[in-house]
Amino acid sequence: MRAALFALSALLLTGCGDAYRYPCQDPANKDKEECNRPACETDGMCYDTLNGLPPKQAEAPVEQTPVEEPAAPAACNCESKGE
């Protein structure tokens, strides 16, 4: 009887471990490209979605617009005014 109970317990405990149903559920994979938006949105395998977290928006690349420098003021030609 004890041997059967021991064998059953050992069999049930072999299922315990660090196994994840989906690769993107594993915290070790949360920074991989296929587990982050926008790559994961088509199949719904985003790390945040699978783990019940609020959706993390993909960071859009920031476009830097060139800043136009104002033209230098014209040199004052004070002698030509006739003062």
N, C-alpha and C. Protein backbone atom coordinates (compact mmCIF):
# COMPACT_ATOMS: atom_id res chain seq x y z
N MET A 1 0.81 -1.19 0.00
CA MET A 1 0.00 0.00 0.00
C MET A 1 0.86 1.26 0.00
N ARG A 2 1.90 1.25 0.88
CA ARG A 2 2.79 2.42 0.96
C ARG A 2 3.55 2.61 -0.35
N ALA A 3 3.94 1.52 -0.95
CA ALA A 3 4.70 1.62 -2.20
C ALA A 3 3.83 2.23 -3.30
N ALA A 4 2.57 1.86 -3.34
CA ALA A 4 1.65 2.40 -4.35
C ALA A 4 1.42 3.88 -4.10
N LEU A 5 1.27 4.27 -2.83
CA LEU A 5 1.08 5.68 -2.49
C LEU A 5 2.33 6.49 -2.83
N PHE A 6 3.49 5.94 -2.55
CA PHE A 6 4.75 6.61 -2.87
C PHE A 6 4.90 6.76 -4.39
N ALA A 7 4.60 5.72 -5.13
CA ALA A 7 4.72 5.77 -6.58
C ALA A 7 3.75 6.79 -7.17
N LEU A 8 2.53 6.84 -6.63
CA LEU A 8 1.54 7.80 -7.11
C LEU A 8 1.98 9.23 -6.79
N SER A 9 2.51 9.45 -5.59
CA SER A 9 2.99 10.79 -5.22
C SER A 9 4.15 11.21 -6.11
N ALA A 10 5.07 10.32 -6.36
CA ALA A 10 6.22 10.64 -7.21
C ALA A 10 5.77 10.95 -8.62
N LEU A 11 4.78 10.21 -9.10
CA LEU A 11 4.27 10.45 -10.45
C LEU A 11 3.59 11.81 -10.55
N LEU A 12 2.81 12.19 -9.54
CA LEU A 12 2.13 13.47 -9.56
C LEU A 12 3.10 14.65 -9.42
N LEU A 13 4.14 14.48 -8.67
CA LEU A 13 5.10 15.56 -8.46
C LEU A 13 6.01 15.79 -9.66
N THR A 14 6.11 14.83 -10.56
CA THR A 14 6.95 15.04 -11.74
C THR A 14 6.35 16.08 -12.67
N GLY A 15 5.06 16.33 -12.56
CA GLY A 15 4.41 17.35 -13.38
C GLY A 15 4.69 18.76 -12.89
N CYS A 16 5.18 18.90 -11.69
CA CYS A 16 5.48 20.22 -11.14
C CYS A 16 6.85 20.68 -11.66
N GLY A 17 6.94 21.93 -11.95
CA GLY A 17 8.21 22.46 -12.43
C GLY A 17 8.00 23.83 -13.04
N ASP A 18 9.04 24.35 -13.60
CA ASP A 18 8.97 25.67 -14.23
C ASP A 18 8.64 25.53 -15.71
N ALA A 19 7.51 24.94 -15.98
CA ALA A 19 7.07 24.77 -17.36
C ALA A 19 5.97 25.78 -17.64
N TYR A 20 6.03 26.40 -18.80
CA TYR A 20 5.03 27.38 -19.21
C TYR A 20 4.32 26.85 -20.44
N ARG A 21 3.05 27.15 -20.52
CA ARG A 21 2.27 26.67 -21.66
C ARG A 21 2.72 27.35 -22.95
N TYR A 22 3.03 28.64 -22.86
CA TYR A 22 3.48 29.40 -24.02
C TYR A 22 4.86 29.97 -23.73
N PRO A 23 5.74 30.02 -24.71
CA PRO A 23 7.10 30.54 -24.48
C PRO A 23 7.10 31.98 -23.97
N CYS A 24 6.15 32.79 -24.42
CA CYS A 24 6.14 34.20 -24.02
C CYS A 24 5.57 34.40 -22.61
N GLN A 25 5.09 33.33 -21.97
CA GLN A 25 4.66 33.43 -20.58
C GLN A 25 5.85 33.43 -19.63
N ASP A 26 6.94 32.87 -20.07
CA ASP A 26 8.15 32.75 -19.25
C ASP A 26 8.78 34.13 -19.07
N PRO A 27 9.01 34.56 -17.83
CA PRO A 27 9.63 35.86 -17.60
C PRO A 27 11.01 36.00 -18.26
N ALA A 28 11.68 34.91 -18.50
CA ALA A 28 12.98 34.97 -19.16
C ALA A 28 12.85 35.43 -20.61
N ASN A 29 11.67 35.28 -21.20
CA ASN A 29 11.46 35.64 -22.60
C ASN A 29 10.76 36.98 -22.78
N LYS A 30 10.50 37.71 -21.70
CA LYS A 30 9.69 38.92 -21.81
C LYS A 30 10.33 40.02 -22.63
N ASP A 31 11.64 40.00 -22.81
CA ASP A 31 12.31 41.03 -23.60
C ASP A 31 12.57 40.61 -25.04
N LYS A 32 12.17 39.41 -25.40
CA LYS A 32 12.36 38.96 -26.79
C LYS A 32 11.40 39.68 -27.71
N GLU A 33 11.85 39.89 -28.93
CA GLU A 33 11.05 40.66 -29.90
C GLU A 33 9.70 40.02 -30.17
N GLU A 34 9.66 38.69 -30.29
CA GLU A 34 8.40 38.02 -30.62
C GLU A 34 7.40 38.03 -29.46
N CYS A 35 7.82 38.43 -28.27
CA CYS A 35 6.92 38.49 -27.12
C CYS A 35 6.47 39.91 -26.81
N ASN A 36 6.87 40.86 -27.61
CA ASN A 36 6.52 42.27 -27.38
C ASN A 36 5.82 42.84 -28.60
N ARG A 37 5.03 43.88 -28.35
CA ARG A 37 4.29 44.53 -29.41
C ARG A 37 5.23 45.29 -30.32
N PRO A 38 4.94 45.39 -31.56
CA PRO A 38 3.78 44.95 -32.33
C PRO A 38 3.91 43.53 -32.87
N ALA A 39 5.07 42.88 -32.69
CA ALA A 39 5.28 41.56 -33.28
C ALA A 39 4.32 40.50 -32.74
N CYS A 40 3.89 40.61 -31.51
CA CYS A 40 3.07 39.56 -30.90
C CYS A 40 1.58 39.79 -31.05
N GLU A 41 1.16 40.92 -31.56
CA GLU A 41 -0.27 41.24 -31.60
C GLU A 41 -1.06 40.35 -32.54
N THR A 42 -0.45 39.86 -33.60
CA THR A 42 -1.21 39.06 -34.57
C THR A 42 -1.65 37.72 -34.00
N ASP A 43 -0.81 37.09 -33.19
CA ASP A 43 -1.19 35.80 -32.63
C ASP A 43 -1.61 35.87 -31.17
N GLY A 44 -1.56 37.06 -30.56
CA GLY A 44 -2.01 37.23 -29.18
C GLY A 44 -1.08 36.63 -28.15
N MET A 45 0.17 36.42 -28.51
CA MET A 45 1.13 35.80 -27.59
C MET A 45 2.04 36.84 -26.94
N CYS A 46 1.48 37.96 -26.54
CA CYS A 46 2.27 39.01 -25.89
C CYS A 46 2.49 38.64 -24.42
N TYR A 47 3.66 38.96 -23.91
CA TYR A 47 4.00 38.66 -22.51
C TYR A 47 2.97 39.24 -21.55
N ASP A 48 2.61 40.51 -21.77
CA ASP A 48 1.68 41.15 -20.84
C ASP A 48 0.29 40.53 -20.90
N THR A 49 -0.17 40.17 -22.09
CA THR A 49 -1.50 39.57 -22.25
C THR A 49 -1.56 38.20 -21.60
N LEU A 50 -0.53 37.39 -21.82
CA LEU A 50 -0.52 36.03 -21.28
C LEU A 50 -0.40 36.00 -19.76
N ASN A 51 0.18 37.04 -19.18
CA ASN A 51 0.38 37.07 -17.74
C ASN A 51 -0.61 37.98 -17.01
N GLY A 52 -1.63 38.45 -17.72
CA GLY A 52 -2.68 39.24 -17.09
C GLY A 52 -2.26 40.65 -16.72
N LEU A 53 -1.27 41.20 -17.39
CA LEU A 53 -0.80 42.56 -17.12
C LEU A 53 -1.48 43.53 -18.07
N PRO A 54 -1.53 44.82 -17.72
CA PRO A 54 -2.08 45.79 -18.67
C PRO A 54 -1.21 45.85 -19.92
N PRO A 55 -1.82 46.04 -21.09
CA PRO A 55 -1.04 46.07 -22.33
C PRO A 55 0.01 47.16 -22.32
N LYS A 56 1.20 46.78 -22.72
CA LYS A 56 2.31 47.72 -22.83
C LYS A 56 2.38 48.16 -24.28
N GLN A 57 2.29 49.44 -24.50
CA GLN A 57 2.32 49.96 -25.86
C GLN A 57 3.75 49.95 -26.38
N ALA A 58 3.88 49.62 -27.63
CA ALA A 58 5.21 49.66 -28.25
C ALA A 58 5.67 51.10 -28.33
N GLU A 59 6.92 51.28 -28.08
CA GLU A 59 7.47 52.62 -28.14
C GLU A 59 7.73 52.99 -29.59
N ALA A 60 7.05 54.00 -30.05
CA ALA A 60 7.22 54.45 -31.42
C ALA A 60 8.54 55.22 -31.52
N PRO A 61 9.23 55.06 -32.61
CA PRO A 61 10.47 55.82 -32.75
C PRO A 61 10.17 57.31 -32.77
N VAL A 62 10.96 58.04 -32.07
CA VAL A 62 10.76 59.48 -31.97
C VAL A 62 11.44 60.15 -33.15
N GLU A 63 10.62 60.88 -33.91
CA GLU A 63 11.18 61.61 -35.04
C GLU A 63 11.67 62.96 -34.56
N GLN A 64 12.87 63.27 -34.92
CA GLN A 64 13.40 64.56 -34.53
C GLN A 64 13.36 65.47 -35.75
N THR A 65 12.60 66.53 -35.62
CA THR A 65 12.50 67.48 -36.72
C THR A 65 13.63 68.49 -36.59
N PRO A 66 14.21 68.82 -37.70
CA PRO A 66 15.30 69.81 -37.63
C PRO A 66 14.76 71.16 -37.19
N VAL A 67 15.49 71.78 -36.32
CA VAL A 67 15.09 73.09 -35.80
C VAL A 67 15.73 74.15 -36.68
N GLU A 68 14.89 75.02 -37.22
CA GLU A 68 15.43 76.08 -38.05
C GLU A 68 15.94 77.20 -37.16
N GLU A 69 17.16 77.59 -37.41
CA GLU A 69 17.73 78.68 -36.63
C GLU A 69 17.29 79.99 -37.26
N PRO A 70 16.93 80.95 -36.45
CA PRO A 70 16.51 82.24 -37.02
C PRO A 70 17.70 82.91 -37.71
N ALA A 71 17.36 83.61 -38.77
CA ALA A 71 18.41 84.29 -39.53
C ALA A 71 18.99 85.41 -38.66
N ALA A 72 20.27 85.61 -38.82
CA ALA A 72 20.93 86.65 -38.04
C ALA A 72 20.39 88.01 -38.49
N PRO A 73 20.18 88.93 -37.56
CA PRO A 73 19.66 90.25 -37.95
C PRO A 73 20.67 90.96 -38.85
N ALA A 74 20.11 91.75 -39.75
CA ALA A 74 20.98 92.49 -40.66
C ALA A 74 21.82 93.47 -39.85
N ALA A 75 23.05 93.65 -40.30
CA ALA A 75 23.94 94.58 -39.59
C ALA A 75 23.39 95.99 -39.69
N CYS A 76 23.46 96.73 -38.62
CA CYS A 76 22.95 98.07 -38.60
C CYS A 76 23.99 99.00 -39.24
N ASN A 77 23.52 99.70 -40.25
CA ASN A 77 24.40 100.66 -40.90
C ASN A 77 23.92 102.03 -40.45
N CYS A 78 24.32 102.42 -39.26
CA CYS A 78 23.81 103.64 -38.63
C CYS A 78 24.34 104.92 -39.29
N GLU A 79 25.43 104.85 -39.98
CA GLU A 79 26.01 106.05 -40.59
C GLU A 79 25.22 106.50 -41.82
N SER A 80 24.50 105.60 -42.46
CA SER A 80 23.79 105.95 -43.67
C SER A 80 22.48 106.67 -43.40
N LYS A 81 22.04 106.79 -42.15
CA LYS A 81 20.78 107.43 -41.82
C LYS A 81 20.91 108.96 -41.88
N GLY A 82 22.09 109.44 -41.83
CA GLY A 82 22.30 110.89 -41.93
C GLY A 82 22.13 111.59 -40.61
N GLU A 83 22.30 110.96 -39.54
CA GLU A 83 22.14 111.63 -38.25
C GLU A 83 23.40 112.26 -37.79
